[in-house]
C-alpha cells in the first residue's frame, strides 16, 4: 500500500503513489520481480481471460446486445482531450503536492474514487466482496456493496472494519423485503440491518429491474443467480427466509437453492419498474443520504432534485443493460449544469484509466465509481 506522505499543504497527509511506480522498477531491476497484473488497461481483459473460466469471464466482460453502449462509453472518453497546464505558470498555486480530497455527503475522503457495486464477486476470486471491502478500507476508498453480492451485509461490514461503506439496492417489488434490506437487525429481529452495520449512503439502482439481453451469458446458458451465486443478501435476509419457509413447508433457501433463487430473482429482477412516487417508501425507511444510480437524462436529474434526493450517479450500467444507448460521459456536462449545484453528481460507465477519472471530474462529477 502506498505510504502516507506528510507535508505542510496537506496536514492530514496523502499517499505517495509516485513512490509505488519507483517500487515497481526497483523490484524488476534488483529482484527480477515483475507485476502480477498488467498496468496496461487495454490488456486487462486479455489477461483476465487466461485465468477465469469462460462463464466467469463472459459474465464480467460482457455487455448488452452487440456491446454498442460499451463502445459508446469508451468513444465518449476519447473524444474529450486534456490540455495540461504549464506547472511553472499554474495559477492555483504550487503543483508539487496535489490535494485529491473530496467531501461527499458530509464525509471527507482521500480521493474522489469509489469502489462501484459489482455483484457475484466469488466467480472472479475466492476472496469475493469481503476481500474487496477489506482492501478498500486499507486504501481509504468507500466500498459500495451490491445487492447481488456473494457475501452478506454483515460479512462485508466486518471485513471493511472502520472503512466507509455504502449499500446499493436492487429494489425488490416486495416492499416488506425492501424495508428488511434497509431496516432489519443482524439477529433478524426488527430494524437496521444495513444501517446498524455502518452503511452510511444508500444507492438505489434504477436501470436493472429486468435482466438484460447479454449474448455472452446466453451462449453459455449461464446466470449465476440461478444456482444461488450472488443471492447471499437475499438468502440471509430474515423477511425473505420467513416468507420462503411459510410458502414451502418450512424449507430454508439452503434446502432448495434453485427454488429459492427463482423466488429471489422474481422479486429483485421482476420486470416491473418502480415509480417516482414509490421513492417515498425508501425515504421513510432510510434517514441517510439517498443516491439514484442510472440517471441519463436532464429531466430525470431534475425530478430527483424535486423528490429531495441527495445524489445521482450518471450511468448506463457500464453498457450492460441497454444496447445502443448514449455514452454516459456525453450527458454528464448537461446534467451537471442543470442540477450540479442542487445535489451531488457522481459518475460511472466506461472508466478505464486515471485520465478517464480526470475527464469525468473536469466535466463536473464530484466522485467516480470504478468497477469491472
Protein backbone atom coordinates (compact mmCIF):
# COMPACT_ATOMS: atom_id res chain seq x y z
CA UNK A 1 0.00 0.00 0.00
CA UNK A 2 1.39 3.45 -0.87
CA UNK A 3 2.82 5.19 2.19
CA UNK A 4 1.23 8.28 3.65
CA UNK A 5 3.12 11.48 2.93
CA UNK A 6 3.11 14.40 5.35
CA UNK A 7 3.63 17.94 4.11
CA UNK A 8 2.55 21.46 5.17
CA UNK A 9 -0.05 21.92 2.46
CA UNK A 10 -1.77 18.68 3.45
CA UNK A 11 -1.66 18.33 7.23
CA UNK A 12 -3.62 15.08 7.01
CA UNK A 13 -1.15 13.60 4.56
CA UNK A 14 -1.55 11.91 1.20
CA UNK A 15 -0.47 8.59 -0.25
CA UNK A 16 2.76 8.54 -2.22
CA UNK A 17 1.52 6.87 -5.38
CA UNK A 18 4.60 8.12 -7.24
CA UNK A 19 6.72 6.01 -4.89
CA UNK A 20 4.75 2.92 -5.96
CA UNK A 21 5.94 3.44 -9.53
CA UNK A 22 9.56 3.52 -8.35
CA UNK A 23 8.98 0.35 -6.33
CA UNK A 24 7.83 -1.47 -9.47
CA UNK A 25 11.02 -0.53 -11.34
CA UNK A 26 13.21 -1.34 -8.32
CA UNK A 27 11.65 -4.79 -7.87
CA UNK A 28 12.22 -5.57 -11.53
CA UNK A 29 15.79 -4.31 -11.71
CA UNK A 30 17.04 -5.58 -8.37
CA UNK A 31 14.96 -8.69 -7.79
CA UNK A 32 13.67 -9.65 -11.25
CA UNK A 33 10.10 -9.44 -9.96
CA UNK A 34 7.50 -8.32 -12.48
CA UNK A 35 3.95 -7.15 -11.72
CA UNK A 36 1.38 -9.93 -11.42
CA UNK A 37 -1.33 -7.84 -13.08
CA UNK A 38 -0.68 -5.72 -16.16
CA UNK A 39 -0.79 -1.93 -15.82
CA UNK A 40 -2.00 -1.62 -19.42
CA UNK A 41 -5.76 -1.16 -19.19
CA UNK A 42 -6.15 -2.38 -22.78
CA UNK A 43 -4.61 -5.73 -21.83
CA UNK A 44 -6.57 -6.40 -18.65
CA UNK A 45 -9.38 -8.29 -20.38
CA UNK A 46 -6.91 -10.47 -22.27
CA UNK A 47 -5.06 -11.29 -19.06
CA UNK A 48 -8.25 -11.98 -17.13
CA UNK A 49 -9.44 -14.34 -19.86
CA UNK A 50 -6.39 -16.56 -19.27
CA UNK A 51 -7.22 -17.07 -15.61
CA UNK A 52 -11.02 -17.06 -15.48
CA UNK A 53 -13.33 -19.74 -16.74
CA UNK A 54 -15.37 -18.88 -19.84
CA UNK A 55 -18.57 -18.36 -17.86
CA UNK A 56 -16.96 -16.09 -15.27
CA UNK A 57 -15.09 -14.06 -17.86
CA UNK A 58 -18.10 -13.59 -20.11
CA UNK A 59 -20.23 -12.54 -17.19
CA UNK A 60 -17.87 -9.76 -16.10
CA UNK A 61 -16.71 -8.69 -19.56
CA UNK A 62 -19.98 -8.97 -21.44
CA UNK A 63 -22.46 -6.25 -22.22
CA UNK A 64 -25.94 -5.86 -23.62
CA UNK A 65 -26.55 -6.81 -27.26
CA UNK A 66 -23.59 -6.18 -29.53
CA UNK A 67 -21.90 -4.06 -26.83
CA UNK A 68 -22.59 -0.83 -28.72
CA UNK A 69 -23.21 1.04 -25.46
CA UNK A 70 -19.89 -0.18 -24.10
CA UNK A 71 -18.22 1.16 -27.25
CA UNK A 72 -20.10 4.45 -26.88
CA UNK A 73 -18.81 4.82 -23.35
CA UNK A 74 -15.21 4.47 -24.46
CA UNK A 75 -15.69 6.71 -27.51
CA UNK A 76 -17.12 9.45 -25.28
CA UNK A 77 -13.92 9.49 -23.23
CA UNK A 78 -11.66 9.51 -26.28
CA UNK A 79 -13.48 12.50 -27.77
CA UNK A 80 -12.56 14.70 -24.81
CA UNK A 81 -8.93 15.86 -24.66
CA UNK A 82 -6.86 17.05 -21.72
CA UNK A 83 -4.82 20.23 -22.07
CA UNK A 84 -2.09 20.02 -19.45
CA UNK A 85 -1.18 23.40 -17.94
CA UNK A 86 2.43 24.51 -17.63
CA UNK A 87 3.30 23.70 -13.98
CA UNK A 88 5.52 26.79 -13.86
CA UNK A 89 2.60 29.02 -14.74
CA UNK A 90 -0.04 27.32 -12.60
CA UNK A 91 -2.47 29.93 -11.32
CA UNK A 92 -3.84 27.78 -8.50
CA UNK A 93 -0.53 27.69 -6.65
CA UNK A 94 2.30 25.10 -6.40
CA UNK A 95 1.52 21.79 -8.09
CA UNK A 96 4.07 19.53 -6.39
CA UNK A 97 1.56 18.45 -3.75
CA UNK A 98 -1.86 17.77 -5.18
CA UNK A 99 -4.84 17.65 -2.87
CA UNK A 100 -7.21 14.94 -4.06
CA UNK A 101 -9.52 15.07 -1.07
CA UNK A 102 -13.24 15.35 -1.67
CA UNK A 103 -16.26 15.73 0.60
CA UNK A 104 -19.22 13.50 -0.18
CA UNK A 105 -22.35 13.59 1.96
CA UNK A 106 -20.57 15.17 4.91
CA UNK A 107 -17.55 12.86 4.94
CA UNK A 108 -14.08 13.70 3.60
CA UNK A 109 -12.24 11.08 1.53
CA UNK A 110 -8.63 10.97 0.37
CA UNK A 111 -9.60 10.86 -3.29
CA UNK A 112 -12.72 11.12 -5.50
CA UNK A 113 -12.66 7.38 -6.28
CA UNK A 114 -15.27 4.92 -5.02
CA UNK A 115 -15.45 1.15 -5.43
CA UNK A 116 -18.52 0.51 -7.57
CA UNK A 117 -21.13 -2.10 -6.60
CA UNK A 118 -20.05 -5.21 -8.52
CA UNK A 119 -22.04 -8.37 -7.82
CA UNK A 120 -21.19 -12.10 -7.63
CA UNK A 121 -17.51 -11.47 -6.99
CA UNK A 122 -16.97 -15.03 -5.84
CA UNK A 123 -16.91 -16.15 -9.51
CA UNK A 124 -13.84 -13.95 -10.04
CA UNK A 125 -11.85 -14.63 -6.85
CA UNK A 126 -12.37 -16.67 -3.69
CA UNK A 127 -11.93 -13.54 -1.54
CA UNK A 128 -15.15 -12.20 -3.11
CA UNK A 129 -16.73 -8.99 -1.74
CA UNK A 130 -15.20 -9.36 1.71
CA UNK A 131 -11.70 -9.21 0.26
CA UNK A 132 -12.50 -6.15 -1.82
CA UNK A 133 -14.13 -4.42 1.14
CA UNK A 134 -11.05 -5.04 3.26
CA UNK A 135 -8.72 -3.60 0.62
CA UNK A 136 -11.00 -0.58 0.10
CA UNK A 137 -10.71 0.18 3.79
CA UNK A 138 -6.92 -0.10 3.69
CA UNK A 139 -6.57 2.36 0.81
CA UNK A 140 -9.21 4.78 2.04
CA UNK A 141 -11.89 4.32 -0.63
CA UNK A 142 -15.63 3.99 0.03
CA UNK A 143 -16.85 0.47 -0.72
CA UNK A 144 -20.31 0.07 -2.24
CA UNK A 145 -21.88 -3.33 -1.62
CA UNK A 146 -24.13 -4.74 -4.34
CA UNK A 147 -27.46 -6.40 -3.55
CA UNK A 148 -26.25 -9.15 -5.91
CA UNK A 149 -23.34 -9.99 -3.63
CA UNK A 150 -21.97 -13.41 -2.78
CA UNK A 151 -21.27 -12.14 0.76
CA UNK A 152 -23.79 -10.93 3.30
CA UNK A 153 -24.25 -7.37 4.53
CA UNK A 154 -22.80 -8.38 7.88
CA UNK A 155 -19.77 -10.23 6.47
CA UNK A 156 -18.78 -7.26 4.33
CA UNK A 157 -19.22 -4.83 7.21
CA UNK A 158 -16.90 -6.93 9.36
CA UNK A 159 -14.27 -7.16 6.62
CA UNK A 160 -14.50 -3.43 5.93
CA UNK A 161 -13.91 -2.57 9.57
CA UNK A 162 -13.57 1.17 10.08
CA UNK A 163 -13.79 1.84 6.33
CA UNK A 164 -16.53 3.82 4.63
CA UNK A 165 -19.24 1.64 3.14
CA UNK A 166 -22.41 2.30 1.19
CA UNK A 167 -25.20 -0.09 0.22
CA UNK A 168 -26.56 -0.46 -3.31
CA UNK A 169 -30.18 -1.60 -3.56
CA UNK A 170 -31.70 -3.59 -6.39
CA UNK A 171 -35.20 -2.58 -5.43
CA UNK A 172 -37.43 -5.63 -4.79
CA UNK A 173 -41.10 -5.47 -5.67
CA UNK A 174 -41.96 -6.80 -2.23
CA UNK A 175 -41.92 -3.73 -0.03
CA UNK A 176 -41.59 -5.81 3.13
CA UNK A 177 -38.31 -7.21 1.81
CA UNK A 178 -37.22 -3.73 0.73
CA UNK A 179 -37.80 -2.48 4.27
CA UNK A 180 -35.98 -5.51 5.66
CA UNK A 181 -32.94 -4.96 3.48
CA UNK A 182 -32.78 -1.46 4.90
CA UNK A 183 -34.10 -1.91 8.44
CA UNK A 184 -33.61 -5.48 9.71
CA UNK A 185 -31.11 -6.25 12.51
CA UNK A 186 -28.15 -8.59 12.42
CA UNK A 187 -30.09 -11.09 14.53
CA UNK A 188 -33.12 -10.87 12.25
CA UNK A 189 -35.29 -9.24 14.92
CA UNK A 190 -36.65 -5.98 13.56
CA UNK A 191 -34.59 -2.99 12.50
CA UNK A 192 -31.44 -1.63 10.98
CA UNK A 193 -29.63 -4.36 9.03
CA UNK A 194 -27.65 -2.17 6.70
CA UNK A 195 -27.70 0.91 8.92
CA UNK A 196 -26.72 -0.99 12.06
CA UNK A 197 -23.74 -2.37 10.16
CA UNK A 198 -22.38 1.03 9.29
CA UNK A 199 -23.58 1.58 5.73
CA UNK A 200 -23.96 5.35 5.51
CA UNK A 201 -25.28 6.02 1.99
CA UNK A 202 -27.98 4.17 0.06
CA UNK A 203 -27.62 3.84 -3.70
CA UNK A 204 -30.83 2.83 -5.46
CA UNK A 205 -30.22 1.35 -8.91
CA UNK A 206 -32.97 2.30 -11.35
CA UNK A 207 -31.92 0.62 -14.59
CA UNK A 208 -31.87 -3.07 -13.66
CA UNK A 209 -35.41 -4.05 -12.74
CA UNK A 210 -35.17 -6.64 -15.54
CA UNK A 211 -32.22 -8.77 -16.65
CA UNK A 212 -30.61 -7.55 -19.87
CA UNK A 213 -30.11 -9.46 -23.12
CA UNK A 214 -26.45 -10.41 -22.83
CA UNK A 215 -25.32 -12.75 -25.62
CA UNK A 216 -22.11 -13.79 -23.87
CA UNK A 217 -24.13 -15.21 -20.98
CA UNK A 218 -26.86 -16.61 -23.22
CA UNK A 219 -24.35 -18.54 -25.32
CA UNK A 220 -23.18 -20.30 -22.16
CA UNK A 221 -26.70 -20.52 -20.70
CA UNK A 222 -25.16 -19.01 -17.58
CA UNK A 223 -26.87 -16.97 -14.91
CA UNK A 224 -25.07 -17.22 -11.56
CA UNK A 225 -28.14 -16.23 -9.54
CA UNK A 226 -30.00 -19.32 -10.73
CA UNK A 227 -27.68 -21.52 -8.68
CA UNK A 228 -27.64 -19.28 -5.64
CA UNK A 229 -24.45 -17.39 -6.52
CA UNK A 230 -24.99 -13.70 -5.86
CA UNK A 231 -28.11 -14.34 -3.79
CA UNK A 232 -26.45 -14.23 -0.38
CA UNK A 233 -28.02 -10.95 0.72
CA UNK A 234 -31.46 -12.34 -0.06
CA UNK A 235 -30.81 -15.76 1.41
CA UNK A 236 -29.55 -14.19 4.64
CA UNK A 237 -32.49 -11.79 4.90
CA UNK A 238 -34.98 -12.67 7.68
CA UNK A 239 -38.07 -11.49 5.83
CA UNK A 240 -37.21 -13.45 2.69
CA UNK A 241 -36.41 -16.55 4.75
CA UNK A 242 -39.67 -16.27 6.69
CA UNK A 243 -41.75 -15.85 3.55
CA UNK A 244 -39.96 -18.74 1.85
CA UNK A 245 -40.49 -21.03 4.84
CA UNK A 246 -44.17 -20.14 5.10
CA UNK A 247 -44.70 -20.83 1.42
CA UNK A 248 -42.69 -24.07 1.20
CA UNK A 249 -43.32 -26.19 4.29
CA UNK A 250 -40.68 -24.57 6.49
CA UNK A 251 -37.92 -25.04 3.96
CA UNK A 252 -34.87 -22.78 4.08
CA UNK A 253 -33.22 -21.38 0.94
CA UNK A 254 -30.39 -23.84 1.57
CA UNK A 255 -32.87 -26.75 1.36
CA UNK A 256 -33.84 -25.85 -2.20
CA UNK A 257 -31.34 -23.36 -3.65
CA UNK A 258 -32.80 -23.48 -7.15
CA UNK A 259 -36.33 -22.70 -5.98
CA UNK A 260 -35.14 -20.01 -3.56
CA UNK A 261 -33.02 -18.44 -6.30
CA UNK A 262 -36.01 -18.27 -8.63
CA UNK A 263 -38.12 -16.55 -6.00
CA UNK A 264 -35.39 -14.05 -5.09
CA UNK A 265 -34.78 -13.21 -8.75
CA UNK A 266 -38.51 -12.85 -9.39
CA UNK A 267 -38.65 -10.15 -6.72
CA UNK A 268 -35.41 -8.29 -7.44
CA UNK A 269 -35.44 -8.60 -11.24
CA UNK A 270 -39.19 -8.79 -11.66
CA UNK A 271 -39.52 -6.95 -14.96
CA UNK A 272 -41.79 -4.39 -13.27
CA UNK A 273 -40.41 -0.90 -12.74
CA UNK A 274 -40.99 1.28 -9.69
CA UNK A 275 -42.40 4.79 -9.85
CA UNK A 276 -41.10 8.14 -8.64
CA UNK A 277 -43.86 8.19 -6.05
CA UNK A 278 -42.62 4.91 -4.57
CA UNK A 279 -39.37 6.62 -3.63
CA UNK A 280 -41.25 7.94 -0.62
CA UNK A 281 -41.06 4.41 0.80
CA UNK A 282 -37.28 4.48 0.54
CA UNK A 283 -37.12 7.97 2.07
CA UNK A 284 -39.28 6.86 5.01
CA UNK A 285 -37.13 3.80 5.67
CA UNK A 286 -33.69 5.37 5.22
CA UNK A 287 -32.73 8.53 7.08
CA UNK A 288 -29.31 8.93 5.45
CA UNK A 289 -28.27 10.19 2.01
CA UNK A 290 -30.02 8.54 -0.95
CA UNK A 291 -28.38 8.35 -4.37
CA UNK A 292 -30.18 7.30 -7.58
CA UNK A 293 -27.97 5.30 -9.95
CA UNK A 294 -28.76 5.10 -13.66
CA UNK A 295 -29.60 8.72 -14.49
CA UNK A 296 -29.00 9.53 -18.18
CA UNK A 297 -31.31 12.47 -18.85
CA UNK A 298 -31.59 16.01 -17.53
CA UNK A 299 -35.32 15.66 -16.87
CA UNK A 300 -34.72 12.67 -14.59
CA UNK A 301 -31.96 14.54 -12.76
CA UNK A 302 -34.33 17.46 -12.18
CA UNK A 303 -37.01 15.06 -10.94
CA UNK A 304 -34.51 13.65 -8.44
CA UNK A 305 -33.99 17.17 -7.11
CA UNK A 306 -37.75 17.67 -6.91
CA UNK A 307 -38.06 14.43 -4.90
CA UNK A 308 -35.50 15.62 -2.37
CA UNK A 309 -32.81 13.11 -3.35
CA UNK A 310 -29.27 13.91 -2.22
CA UNK A 311 -27.29 12.48 -5.14
CA UNK A 312 -27.30 10.75 -8.52
CA UNK A 313 -24.93 8.54 -10.47
CA UNK A 314 -24.80 9.36 -14.17
CA UNK A 315 -24.52 5.82 -15.50
CA UNK A 316 -25.74 3.36 -18.12
CA UNK A 317 -24.67 0.37 -16.02
CA UNK A 318 -21.42 0.12 -17.94
CA UNK A 319 -23.31 -0.80 -21.11
CA UNK A 320 -24.66 -3.98 -19.53
CA UNK A 321 -28.37 -3.15 -19.64
CA UNK A 322 -29.37 -1.42 -22.89
CA UNK A 323 -27.64 -1.78 -26.24
CA UNK A 324 -27.36 1.30 -28.41
CA UNK A 325 -27.60 3.78 -25.54
CA UNK A 326 -25.78 7.08 -25.34
CA UNK A 327 -22.37 7.12 -23.65
CA UNK A 328 -22.74 8.34 -20.08
CA UNK A 329 -19.92 10.87 -20.34
CA UNK A 330 -21.78 12.57 -23.19
CA UNK A 331 -24.65 13.55 -20.92
CA UNK A 332 -22.61 14.33 -17.82
CA UNK A 333 -21.92 18.04 -18.59
CA UNK A 334 -25.55 18.95 -19.26
CA UNK A 335 -26.75 17.10 -16.17
CA UNK A 336 -24.14 18.85 -14.02
CA UNK A 337 -25.14 22.20 -15.48
CA UNK A 338 -28.79 21.53 -14.68
CA UNK A 339 -28.55 20.12 -11.14
CA UNK A 340 -24.90 20.12 -10.04
CA UNK A 341 -25.49 22.90 -7.52
CA UNK A 342 -28.52 21.14 -6.04
CA UNK A 343 -27.30 17.60 -5.41
CA UNK A 344 -24.13 15.51 -5.61
CA UNK A 345 -23.39 14.19 -9.09
CA UNK A 346 -21.31 11.01 -9.26
CA UNK A 347 -20.28 9.12 -12.39
CA UNK A 348 -19.57 5.66 -13.72
CA UNK A 349 -19.57 3.73 -17.04
CA UNK A 350 -16.60 3.35 -19.33
CA UNK A 351 -13.91 4.39 -16.84
CA UNK A 352 -10.61 2.62 -17.51
CA UNK A 353 -7.73 4.92 -16.53
CA UNK A 354 -6.74 7.77 -14.26
CA UNK A 355 -7.09 10.16 -17.16
CA UNK A 356 -10.69 8.99 -17.58
CA UNK A 357 -11.30 9.92 -13.95
CA UNK A 358 -9.75 13.35 -14.54
CA UNK A 359 -12.04 13.93 -17.53
CA UNK A 360 -15.16 12.99 -15.56
CA UNK A 361 -14.13 15.30 -12.72
CA UNK A 362 -13.39 18.15 -15.15
CA UNK A 363 -16.87 17.69 -16.61
CA UNK A 364 -18.41 18.17 -13.19
CA UNK A 365 -18.59 14.83 -11.37
CA UNK A 366 -17.78 15.02 -7.66
CA UNK A 367 -16.74 11.38 -7.50
CA UNK A 368 -16.12 8.48 -9.89
CA UNK A 369 -17.09 4.85 -9.35
CA UNK A 370 -14.62 2.25 -10.58
CA UNK A 371 -15.57 -1.38 -11.05
CA UNK A 372 -15.24 -4.05 -13.68
